[in-house]
Amino acid sequence: MVDPLKKSFLDVPRLRKLSRRTAPTQREVLCILEKARELKGLSVEETAALLCVDSPEMIRALLDVAGYAKETIYGRRMVLFAPLYIGNTCSNSCLYCAFRKENTRLRRAVLTADQIRTEAEMLLREGHKRIVMLCGESSDNDLDHFLSAIRTVYETRVGKNSIRRINVEIAPLDVEGFRRLKEAKIGTYICFQETYDPDLYAAYHPSGPKADYLNRLMVMDRAMEGGIDDVGLGVLFGLGDYRFEVLALMEHALHLEETFGCGPHTVSVPRIEPAEGTPFTEHIPYAVSDDDFRKIIAVIRLAMPYTGIILSTRESEGLRNELFRYGVSQISAGSRTNPGAYADAASECSGSQFSLGDHRSLDEVIETLIDQEFIPSFCTGCYRKGRVGRDFMDLAKPGLIQRFCMPNGLFTFQEYLEDFASPTVRTKGKKLIGRLVEAAHEEQRPKIVDNLRLIESGARDVYF
């Protein structure tokens, strides 16, 4: 058997050693946090030190600096999306996933074009403009079926509204497959390594195509070779030691930066949840506490300041509301993780991938964001204007991307208020927009006001 580490860009023994280092001194932490305020990222060694902080005082300081970095780079906007599962059949035996082929309790479903269209219509009626499309890995959900589903969703209309960006999370492809995804006008390609520890990976993936550690590890190289501009990394926290996983994420990001001139567009931070028909219905192998989870998000924000951090509805309402402040920049809302569930939430014809922690509707999540003075954003302007990949980072690193993010976020927020919001949310939202317009840069303010008036008059899809 070929040792996967011989071809891997990861120095696993080094990362394991760094993850087990002793807690840093207060002086060491403060020096690293001072550097982090420059928003130029951290080294792997500095990241390892912050991951080992155990002093409540220093953890508070870490969270404060992460909040500063988030607001300085991204301002007050929070991007919203929903997952769309088009099938849950799967050929893999992943021990943590309800879609695993051995799970006989799960009701399987692969959505037809008509069902996919109905799901998209339901999401549009809620107010969504951005989705991530997912499915299990099987011949029922091959690339042709997936590409057809993308076309169906992009073609779906409800009044003046349409889905403007489809990010995708599917099994690893070859370079030609990624070229086909690029032609389908996807947004970000997302693929979680699940765990970067090769020994644990082998234990959790006993059979199926996903059992190939190296094939999954190198998937982003193939995606970028195939022309995909934006890629999203992620691990499933709870499968391995979180310190090692974060350091491996950093190494992966650095590898992409060195090889392709651009690191990941996003990093996802899901924690493993109990799933029916899996060994992990109660016991989680490397459970991550809420305190450690806060630290994980803050450290990633400082280590990779210009990378979006995605938080799913796996987490509880209360914790999500808190984590918005420490570095998260994209969140799912009103999510369902079983095929067909948006059209029929009570349906038992198919099964969910995992249990949810936040069951609020999109409107309820938006009200919370308003109360915290975040801008609920459905913006896709950068994607449609070509501000992606390296071009996006070239604007983000000098702080120029906020010239687009804040106004474009306001425009999509105004659309939501006009078309979908409850009366209470509409009232609160209009007041927030008024305050944010007053605080906008005086050179931009007249154009922002003009575009907001256009939207009030019925215009849609307005962006800088």
Protein backbone atom coordinates (compact mmCIF):
# COMPACT_ATOMS: atom_id res chain seq x y z
CA MET A 1 0.00 0.00 0.00
CA VAL A 2 1.32 3.44 -0.96
CA ASP A 3 1.88 5.74 2.01
CA PRO A 4 -0.33 8.79 1.28
CA LEU A 5 2.02 11.07 3.23
CA LYS A 6 4.77 10.55 0.63
CA LYS A 7 2.80 12.64 -1.84
CA SER A 8 1.11 14.94 0.65
CA PHE A 9 1.98 18.60 1.13
CA LEU A 10 1.25 18.14 4.86
CA ASP A 11 4.08 17.55 7.32
CA VAL A 12 1.89 15.50 9.64
CA PRO A 13 4.54 14.68 12.31
CA ARG A 14 5.45 18.38 12.58
CA LEU A 15 1.83 19.46 12.89
CA ARG A 16 1.18 16.81 15.54
CA LYS A 17 4.14 18.07 17.54
CA LEU A 18 3.03 21.69 17.26
CA SER A 19 -0.51 20.80 18.31
CA ARG A 20 0.83 19.30 21.55
CA ARG A 21 2.99 22.24 22.62
CA THR A 22 2.64 23.78 26.08
CA ALA A 23 0.41 26.78 26.73
CA PRO A 24 2.08 30.08 25.75
CA THR A 25 3.03 32.74 28.27
CA GLN A 26 0.94 35.88 28.55
CA ARG A 27 3.73 37.89 26.95
CA GLU A 28 3.91 35.50 24.00
CA VAL A 29 0.13 35.71 23.48
CA LEU A 30 0.08 39.50 23.62
CA CYS A 31 2.92 39.73 21.09
CA ILE A 32 1.07 37.43 18.68
CA LEU A 33 -2.18 39.37 19.11
CA GLU A 34 -0.35 42.64 18.45
CA LYS A 35 0.90 41.18 15.18
CA ALA A 36 -2.58 39.84 14.39
CA ARG A 37 -3.97 43.38 14.57
CA GLU A 38 -1.93 44.17 11.46
CA LEU A 39 -4.28 41.79 9.57
CA LYS A 40 -1.48 40.08 7.67
CA GLY A 41 -2.09 36.59 9.02
CA LEU A 42 -0.04 34.39 11.32
CA SER A 43 2.53 31.68 10.94
CA VAL A 44 1.69 28.07 11.68
CA GLU A 45 3.80 28.30 14.83
CA GLU A 46 1.98 31.41 16.05
CA THR A 47 -1.36 29.78 15.30
CA ALA A 48 -0.32 26.72 17.31
CA ALA A 49 0.47 28.97 20.27
CA LEU A 50 -2.96 30.64 20.20
CA LEU A 51 -4.70 27.27 19.92
CA CYS A 52 -3.04 26.26 23.20
CA VAL A 53 -4.11 29.35 25.15
CA ASP A 54 -5.92 28.27 28.30
CA SER A 55 -6.04 31.46 30.38
CA PRO A 56 -9.58 32.98 30.49
CA GLU A 57 -8.03 36.46 30.37
CA MET A 58 -6.00 35.70 27.27
CA ILE A 59 -8.92 33.92 25.58
CA ARG A 60 -11.00 37.07 26.12
CA ALA A 61 -8.22 39.14 24.54
CA LEU A 62 -8.09 36.68 21.62
CA LEU A 63 -11.84 36.99 21.02
CA ASP A 64 -11.64 40.78 21.16
CA VAL A 65 -8.91 40.95 18.51
CA ALA A 66 -10.82 38.49 16.31
CA GLY A 67 -13.88 40.75 16.54
CA TYR A 68 -11.71 43.71 15.55
CA ALA A 69 -10.33 41.82 12.54
CA LYS A 70 -13.79 40.71 11.39
CA GLU A 71 -15.26 44.21 11.53
CA THR A 72 -12.21 45.90 10.00
CA ILE A 73 -12.18 43.60 6.96
CA TYR A 74 -15.84 42.75 6.43
CA GLY A 75 -17.63 45.53 8.28
CA ARG A 76 -21.06 44.71 9.68
CA ARG A 77 -22.30 42.53 6.84
CA MET A 78 -23.25 38.87 7.25
CA VAL A 79 -23.81 36.78 4.13
CA LEU A 80 -26.82 34.41 4.20
CA PHE A 81 -27.43 31.21 2.26
CA ALA A 82 -29.30 27.90 2.44
CA PRO A 83 -28.27 24.33 1.57
CA LEU A 84 -30.18 22.46 -1.14
CA TYR A 85 -29.83 18.68 -0.99
CA ILE A 86 -30.75 17.02 -4.28
CA GLY A 87 -30.10 13.41 -3.20
CA ASN A 88 -29.00 11.29 -0.24
CA THR A 89 -27.97 8.02 -1.88
CA CYS A 90 -24.31 7.27 -1.23
CA SER A 91 -21.63 4.64 -1.92
CA ASN A 92 -19.47 5.51 1.07
CA SER A 93 -19.37 4.08 4.58
CA CYS A 94 -18.38 7.22 6.54
CA LEU A 95 -19.00 6.36 10.18
CA TYR A 96 -20.28 9.83 11.13
CA CYS A 97 -22.77 10.44 8.30
CA ALA A 98 -26.42 9.37 8.11
CA PHE A 99 -26.09 9.07 4.31
CA ARG A 100 -23.65 6.12 4.70
CA LYS A 101 -24.64 3.19 2.52
CA GLU A 102 -25.12 0.80 5.49
CA ASN A 103 -27.80 3.01 7.07
CA THR A 104 -30.97 1.03 6.38
CA ARG A 105 -33.05 3.38 8.54
CA LEU A 106 -32.63 6.25 6.10
CA ARG A 107 -35.30 6.80 3.47
CA ARG A 108 -33.41 7.49 0.24
CA ALA A 109 -34.37 10.05 -2.38
CA VAL A 110 -32.92 11.55 -5.55
CA LEU A 111 -34.86 14.61 -6.65
CA THR A 112 -36.19 14.95 -10.19
CA ALA A 113 -35.88 18.18 -12.17
CA ASP A 114 -39.44 19.15 -11.21
CA GLN A 115 -38.74 18.50 -7.53
CA ILE A 116 -35.52 20.51 -7.69
CA ARG A 117 -37.42 23.38 -9.31
CA THR A 118 -40.02 23.26 -6.54
CA GLU A 119 -37.32 23.33 -3.86
CA ALA A 120 -35.73 26.35 -5.54
CA GLU A 121 -39.10 28.10 -5.70
CA MET A 122 -39.65 27.53 -1.99
CA LEU A 123 -36.23 28.97 -1.17
CA LEU A 124 -36.92 31.98 -3.36
CA ARG A 125 -40.25 32.59 -1.63
CA GLU A 126 -38.40 32.69 1.67
CA GLY A 127 -36.09 35.37 0.28
CA HIS A 128 -32.93 33.38 -0.44
CA LYS A 129 -30.63 34.35 -3.33
CA ARG A 130 -27.60 32.17 -2.57
CA ILE A 131 -27.51 28.41 -2.05
CA VAL A 132 -25.03 25.60 -1.66
CA MET A 133 -26.05 22.47 -3.58
CA LEU A 134 -25.17 19.06 -2.12
CA CYS A 135 -25.76 15.34 -2.62
CA GLY A 136 -24.37 11.97 -1.63
CA GLU A 137 -21.64 10.29 -3.66
CA SER A 138 -23.26 7.66 -5.89
CA SER A 139 -24.08 6.88 -9.50
CA ASP A 140 -27.58 8.31 -8.88
CA ASN A 141 -25.99 11.70 -8.29
CA ASP A 142 -23.39 11.74 -11.06
CA LEU A 143 -21.95 14.92 -12.54
CA ASP A 144 -24.45 15.07 -15.40
CA HIS A 145 -27.35 14.97 -12.96
CA PHE A 146 -25.69 17.61 -10.81
CA LEU A 147 -25.05 19.94 -13.76
CA SER A 148 -28.66 19.52 -14.86
CA ALA A 149 -29.78 20.47 -11.35
CA ILE A 150 -27.64 23.62 -11.47
CA ARG A 151 -29.27 24.67 -14.74
CA THR A 152 -32.72 23.99 -13.32
CA VAL A 153 -32.11 26.18 -10.27
CA TYR A 154 -30.56 29.04 -12.24
CA GLU A 155 -33.56 29.00 -14.61
CA THR A 156 -36.15 29.07 -11.80
CA ARG A 157 -37.96 32.37 -11.24
CA VAL A 158 -40.45 33.58 -8.64
CA GLY A 159 -41.61 37.01 -9.71
CA LYS A 160 -38.51 39.16 -10.12
CA ASN A 161 -36.43 36.85 -7.97
CA SER A 162 -33.92 34.16 -8.89
CA ILE A 163 -31.04 32.27 -7.31
CA ARG A 164 -27.95 34.32 -8.16
CA ARG A 165 -25.15 32.15 -6.86
CA ILE A 166 -24.88 28.39 -6.50
CA ASN A 167 -21.94 27.14 -4.49
CA VAL A 168 -21.44 23.40 -4.72
CA GLU A 169 -20.33 20.69 -2.33
CA ILE A 170 -19.84 17.42 -4.17
CA ALA A 171 -17.37 14.56 -4.18
CA PRO A 172 -13.92 15.10 -5.71
CA LEU A 173 -13.74 15.30 -9.50
CA ASP A 174 -10.95 15.15 -12.04
CA VAL A 175 -9.70 18.33 -13.75
CA GLU A 176 -12.08 17.91 -16.69
CA GLY A 177 -15.00 17.56 -14.30
CA PHE A 178 -14.06 20.85 -12.68
CA ARG A 179 -13.88 22.50 -16.08
CA ARG A 180 -17.48 21.43 -16.62
CA LEU A 181 -18.46 22.87 -13.23
CA LYS A 182 -16.76 26.12 -14.19
CA GLU A 183 -18.80 26.26 -17.41
CA ALA A 184 -21.97 25.82 -15.33
CA LYS A 185 -21.15 29.15 -13.62
CA ILE A 186 -20.85 27.86 -10.09
CA GLY A 187 -19.60 30.05 -7.30
CA THR A 188 -17.33 28.38 -4.73
CA TYR A 189 -16.41 24.70 -4.84
CA ILE A 190 -16.48 23.31 -1.31
CA CYS A 191 -15.03 20.02 -0.11
CA PHE A 192 -14.29 19.10 3.50
CA GLN A 193 -11.29 16.94 4.25
CA GLU A 194 -13.32 15.87 7.32
CA THR A 195 -10.07 15.08 9.18
CA TYR A 196 -6.52 15.75 7.99
CA ASP A 197 -5.16 13.01 10.26
CA PRO A 198 -4.44 10.15 7.82
CA ASP A 199 -4.78 7.43 10.47
CA LEU A 200 -8.14 8.69 11.73
CA TYR A 201 -9.28 9.31 8.16
CA ALA A 202 -8.71 5.65 7.33
CA ALA A 203 -10.63 4.55 10.44
CA TYR A 204 -13.65 6.78 9.70
CA HIS A 205 -13.81 5.92 5.98
CA PRO A 206 -13.55 2.12 5.79
CA SER A 207 -14.88 1.74 2.24
CA GLY A 208 -16.18 3.58 -0.79
CA PRO A 209 -14.56 6.17 -3.10
CA LYS A 210 -14.12 8.55 -0.16
CA ALA A 211 -11.71 6.12 1.52
CA ASP A 212 -8.91 7.51 -0.70
CA TYR A 213 -7.28 10.10 1.59
CA LEU A 214 -4.88 11.50 -0.97
CA ASN A 215 -7.52 11.85 -3.68
CA ARG A 216 -9.54 14.05 -1.34
CA LEU A 217 -6.55 15.98 -0.05
CA MET A 218 -5.48 17.00 -3.56
CA VAL A 219 -8.96 17.85 -4.84
CA MET A 220 -8.50 21.63 -4.54
CA ASP A 221 -5.39 21.46 -6.71
CA ARG A 222 -7.46 19.79 -9.43
CA ALA A 223 -10.30 22.27 -8.94
CA MET A 224 -8.01 25.27 -9.39
CA GLU A 225 -6.27 23.60 -12.32
CA GLY A 226 -9.75 23.20 -13.83
CA GLY A 227 -10.39 26.94 -13.59
CA ILE A 228 -12.39 27.16 -10.36
CA ASP A 229 -11.62 30.61 -8.92
CA ASP A 230 -12.94 30.16 -5.39
CA VAL A 231 -12.56 27.05 -3.24
CA GLY A 232 -13.76 26.33 0.28
CA LEU A 233 -11.93 24.16 2.81
CA GLY A 234 -13.36 22.55 5.93
CA VAL A 235 -13.02 19.88 8.58
CA LEU A 236 -15.62 18.18 10.74
CA PHE A 237 -14.58 19.14 14.24
CA GLY A 238 -14.92 16.27 16.67
CA LEU A 239 -13.29 13.61 14.50
CA GLY A 240 -9.75 14.51 15.56
CA ASP A 241 -7.78 16.86 17.81
CA TYR A 242 -8.98 20.34 16.90
CA ARG A 243 -5.53 21.89 17.27
CA PHE A 244 -4.05 19.55 14.67
CA GLU A 245 -7.02 20.10 12.33
CA VAL A 246 -6.72 23.91 12.40
CA LEU A 247 -2.97 23.74 11.75
CA ALA A 248 -3.57 21.37 8.84
CA LEU A 249 -6.19 23.74 7.44
CA MET A 250 -3.55 26.48 7.56
CA GLU A 251 -1.00 24.28 5.79
CA HIS A 252 -3.57 23.51 3.11
CA ALA A 253 -4.31 27.22 2.66
CA LEU A 254 -0.60 28.03 2.42
CA HIS A 255 -0.11 25.25 -0.13
CA LEU A 256 -2.83 26.72 -2.35
CA GLU A 257 -1.42 30.22 -1.94
CA GLU A 258 2.07 29.08 -2.92
CA THR A 259 0.89 26.88 -5.80
CA PHE A 260 -1.87 28.99 -7.34
CA GLY A 261 -1.33 32.46 -5.91
CA CYS A 262 -4.62 32.40 -4.00
CA GLY A 263 -5.73 30.63 -0.87
CA PRO A 264 -9.24 29.44 0.02
CA HIS A 265 -12.21 31.77 -0.34
CA THR A 266 -13.91 30.20 2.67
CA VAL A 267 -13.32 27.84 5.58
CA SER A 268 -16.25 25.92 7.09
CA VAL A 269 -16.24 24.99 10.78
CA PRO A 270 -18.97 22.38 11.42
CA ARG A 271 -18.95 20.32 14.60
CA ILE A 272 -20.05 16.72 14.36
CA GLU A 273 -23.67 16.18 15.40
CA PRO A 274 -25.44 12.92 16.27
CA ALA A 275 -26.78 11.20 13.16
CA GLU A 276 -29.26 8.35 13.02
CA GLY A 277 -27.86 5.06 11.79
CA THR A 278 -24.23 5.90 12.69
CA PRO A 279 -21.96 4.82 15.56
CA PHE A 280 -21.91 8.46 16.74
CA THR A 281 -25.44 8.85 18.04
CA GLU A 282 -24.16 9.87 21.47
CA HIS A 283 -20.37 9.68 21.94
CA ILE A 284 -18.22 12.06 19.86
CA PRO A 285 -14.60 10.85 19.52
CA TYR A 286 -12.89 14.23 20.05
CA ALA A 287 -15.75 16.41 21.29
CA VAL A 288 -15.11 20.17 21.00
CA SER A 289 -16.55 22.26 23.83
CA ASP A 290 -18.28 25.58 23.21
CA ASP A 291 -15.30 27.39 24.76
CA ASP A 292 -12.86 25.64 22.45
CA PHE A 293 -15.16 26.28 19.50
CA ARG A 294 -15.10 30.02 20.21
CA LYS A 295 -11.31 29.83 20.28
CA ILE A 296 -11.19 27.90 16.99
CA ILE A 297 -13.19 30.54 15.14
CA ALA A 298 -11.20 33.42 16.61
CA VAL A 299 -7.86 31.80 15.78
CA ILE A 300 -8.87 31.03 12.19
CA ARG A 301 -9.99 34.64 11.74
CA LEU A 302 -6.58 35.91 12.85
CA ALA A 303 -4.54 33.27 11.05
CA MET A 304 -6.39 33.75 7.72
CA PRO A 305 -7.96 37.21 8.08
CA TYR A 306 -9.28 37.54 4.52
CA THR A 307 -10.86 34.10 4.31
CA GLY A 308 -14.62 33.84 4.87
CA ILE A 309 -15.68 31.69 7.84
CA ILE A 310 -18.92 29.74 7.37
CA LEU A 311 -21.10 28.73 10.32
CA SER A 312 -23.96 26.27 9.79
CA THR A 313 -27.25 25.66 11.57
CA ARG A 314 -25.68 22.68 13.36
CA GLU A 315 -25.02 25.14 16.19
CA SER A 316 -27.62 26.42 18.64
CA GLU A 317 -29.35 29.77 18.23
CA GLY A 318 -27.66 31.29 21.26
CA LEU A 319 -24.14 30.21 20.34
CA ARG A 320 -24.56 31.30 16.73
CA ASN A 321 -25.69 34.76 17.84
CA GLU A 322 -22.53 35.07 19.93
CA LEU A 323 -20.14 33.69 17.32
CA PHE A 324 -21.24 36.31 14.78
CA ARG A 325 -18.99 38.70 16.69
CA TYR A 326 -15.79 36.65 16.66
CA GLY A 327 -15.04 36.13 13.00
CA VAL A 328 -17.93 34.41 11.22
CA SER A 329 -18.82 36.08 7.92
CA GLN A 330 -21.29 33.65 6.28
CA ILE A 331 -24.17 31.71 7.82
CA SER A 332 -26.86 29.32 6.68
CA ALA A 333 -30.42 30.07 7.78
CA GLY A 334 -33.74 28.23 7.59
CA SER A 335 -31.82 25.09 6.61
CA ARG A 336 -33.06 21.60 5.79
CA THR A 337 -30.65 18.70 5.30
CA ASN A 338 -32.93 16.18 3.57
CA PRO A 339 -33.96 16.18 -0.09
CA GLY A 340 -37.40 17.67 -0.71
CA ALA A 341 -37.83 19.18 2.75
CA TYR A 342 -38.36 22.81 1.70
CA ALA A 343 -41.45 21.85 -0.27
CA ASP A 344 -42.74 19.56 2.48
CA ALA A 345 -41.09 20.11 5.85
CA ALA A 346 -43.21 17.37 7.43
CA SER A 347 -42.37 14.80 4.77
CA GLU A 348 -40.84 11.51 5.87
CA CYS A 349 -40.01 10.38 2.36
CA SER A 350 -36.29 11.07 2.83
CA GLY A 351 -33.76 11.37 5.62
CA SER A 352 -31.61 14.15 7.03
CA GLN A 353 -27.82 14.08 7.02
CA PHE A 354 -27.52 15.36 10.61
CA SER A 355 -29.56 17.06 13.33
CA LEU A 356 -29.93 20.84 13.43
CA GLY A 357 -29.30 23.14 16.38
CA ASP A 358 -30.88 26.33 15.04
CA HIS A 359 -34.43 25.86 13.76
CA ARG A 360 -35.27 29.54 13.19
CA SER A 361 -36.73 30.74 9.90
CA LEU A 362 -34.74 33.06 7.65
CA ASP A 363 -36.87 36.00 8.81
CA GLU A 364 -36.18 35.20 12.47
CA VAL A 365 -32.43 34.99 11.85
CA ILE A 366 -32.52 38.30 9.99
CA GLU A 367 -34.34 39.95 12.88
CA THR A 368 -31.57 38.82 15.23
CA LEU A 369 -28.92 40.19 12.86
CA ILE A 370 -30.74 43.53 12.73
CA ASP A 371 -30.92 43.66 16.52
CA GLN A 372 -27.14 43.15 16.59
CA GLU A 373 -26.75 45.81 13.84
CA PHE A 374 -25.36 43.43 11.23
CA ILE A 375 -26.28 43.87 7.57
CA PRO A 376 -28.06 40.71 6.36
CA SER A 377 -26.54 40.29 2.90
CA PHE A 378 -27.48 38.16 -0.11
CA CYS A 379 -24.91 39.94 -2.28
CA THR A 380 -23.43 38.24 -5.35
CA GLY A 381 -22.03 41.40 -6.94
CA CYS A 382 -18.34 40.44 -6.72
CA TYR A 383 -19.04 37.08 -8.31
CA ARG A 384 -20.91 38.62 -11.26
CA LYS A 385 -18.37 41.45 -11.66
CA GLY A 386 -15.44 39.03 -11.71
CA ARG A 387 -14.06 40.06 -8.33
CA VAL A 388 -13.18 36.46 -7.45
CA GLY A 389 -10.11 34.42 -6.62
CA ARG A 390 -6.92 36.47 -6.66
CA ASP A 391 -8.77 39.62 -7.76
CA PHE A 392 -10.98 39.45 -4.67
CA MET A 393 -7.96 39.04 -2.40
CA ASP A 394 -6.19 41.95 -4.09
CA LEU A 395 -9.11 44.15 -3.05
CA ALA A 396 -9.61 42.57 0.36
CA LYS A 397 -6.05 42.82 1.65
CA PRO A 398 -5.72 46.63 1.31
CA GLY A 399 -9.22 47.05 2.76
CA LEU A 400 -10.88 48.09 -0.51
CA ILE A 401 -13.50 45.34 -0.67
CA GLN A 402 -15.71 47.16 1.85
CA ARG A 403 -16.39 49.77 -0.83
CA PHE A 404 -18.47 47.08 -2.48
CA CYS A 405 -19.53 44.82 0.41
CA MET A 406 -21.37 47.37 2.51
CA PRO A 407 -23.41 49.03 -0.26
CA ASN A 408 -24.16 45.78 -2.08
CA GLY A 409 -25.18 44.16 1.19
CA LEU A 410 -27.55 47.06 1.83
CA PHE A 411 -29.10 46.72 -1.63
CA THR A 412 -29.89 43.02 -1.21
CA PHE A 413 -31.12 43.66 2.32
CA GLN A 414 -33.47 46.33 0.95
CA GLU A 415 -34.77 43.81 -1.60
CA TYR A 416 -35.54 41.38 1.21
CA LEU A 417 -37.36 44.03 3.21
CA GLU A 418 -39.49 45.03 0.21
CA ASP A 419 -40.39 41.51 -0.93
CA PHE A 420 -40.27 39.07 1.98
CA ALA A 421 -39.88 40.58 5.44
CA SER A 422 -42.50 40.41 8.15
CA PRO A 423 -43.87 43.83 9.21
CA THR A 424 -41.73 43.92 12.35
CA VAL A 425 -38.55 43.00 10.49
CA ARG A 426 -39.32 45.51 7.74
CA THR A 427 -39.68 48.33 10.26
CA LYS A 428 -36.51 47.40 12.12
CA GLY A 429 -34.59 46.89 8.89
CA LYS A 430 -35.53 50.27 7.40
CA LYS A 431 -34.32 51.99 10.56
CA LEU A 432 -31.02 50.11 10.44
CA ILE A 433 -30.50 51.00 6.77
CA GLY A 434 -31.15 54.64 7.60
CA ARG A 435 -28.46 54.61 10.30
CA LEU A 436 -25.97 52.83 8.07
CA VAL A 437 -26.52 55.22 5.16
CA GLU A 438 -25.85 58.16 7.47
CA ALA A 439 -22.59 56.52 8.51
CA ALA A 440 -21.53 55.70 4.91
CA HIS A 441 -18.61 57.45 3.25
CA GLU A 442 -19.80 60.80 1.94
CA GLU A 443 -18.53 60.06 -1.58
CA GLN A 444 -20.61 56.87 -1.77
CA ARG A 445 -23.69 58.08 0.09
CA PRO A 446 -25.53 59.75 -2.84
CA LYS A 447 -25.18 56.68 -5.08
CA ILE A 448 -26.26 54.37 -2.25
CA VAL A 449 -29.36 56.49 -1.64
CA ASP A 450 -30.19 56.53 -5.37
CA ASN A 451 -29.95 52.73 -5.62
CA LEU A 452 -32.04 52.19 -2.50
CA ARG A 453 -34.75 54.39 -4.02
CA LEU A 454 -34.57 52.39 -7.25
CA ILE A 455 -35.17 49.20 -5.27
CA GLU A 456 -38.09 50.78 -3.41
CA SER A 457 -39.53 51.65 -6.84
CA GLY A 458 -39.33 48.03 -8.02
CA ALA A 459 -35.81 47.62 -9.43
CA ARG A 460 -33.98 44.43 -8.49
CA ASP A 461 -30.47 43.03 -8.73
CA VAL A 462 -28.78 46.42 -8.29
CA TYR A 463 -25.12 46.30 -7.31
CA PHE A 464 -21.80 48.10 -7.61
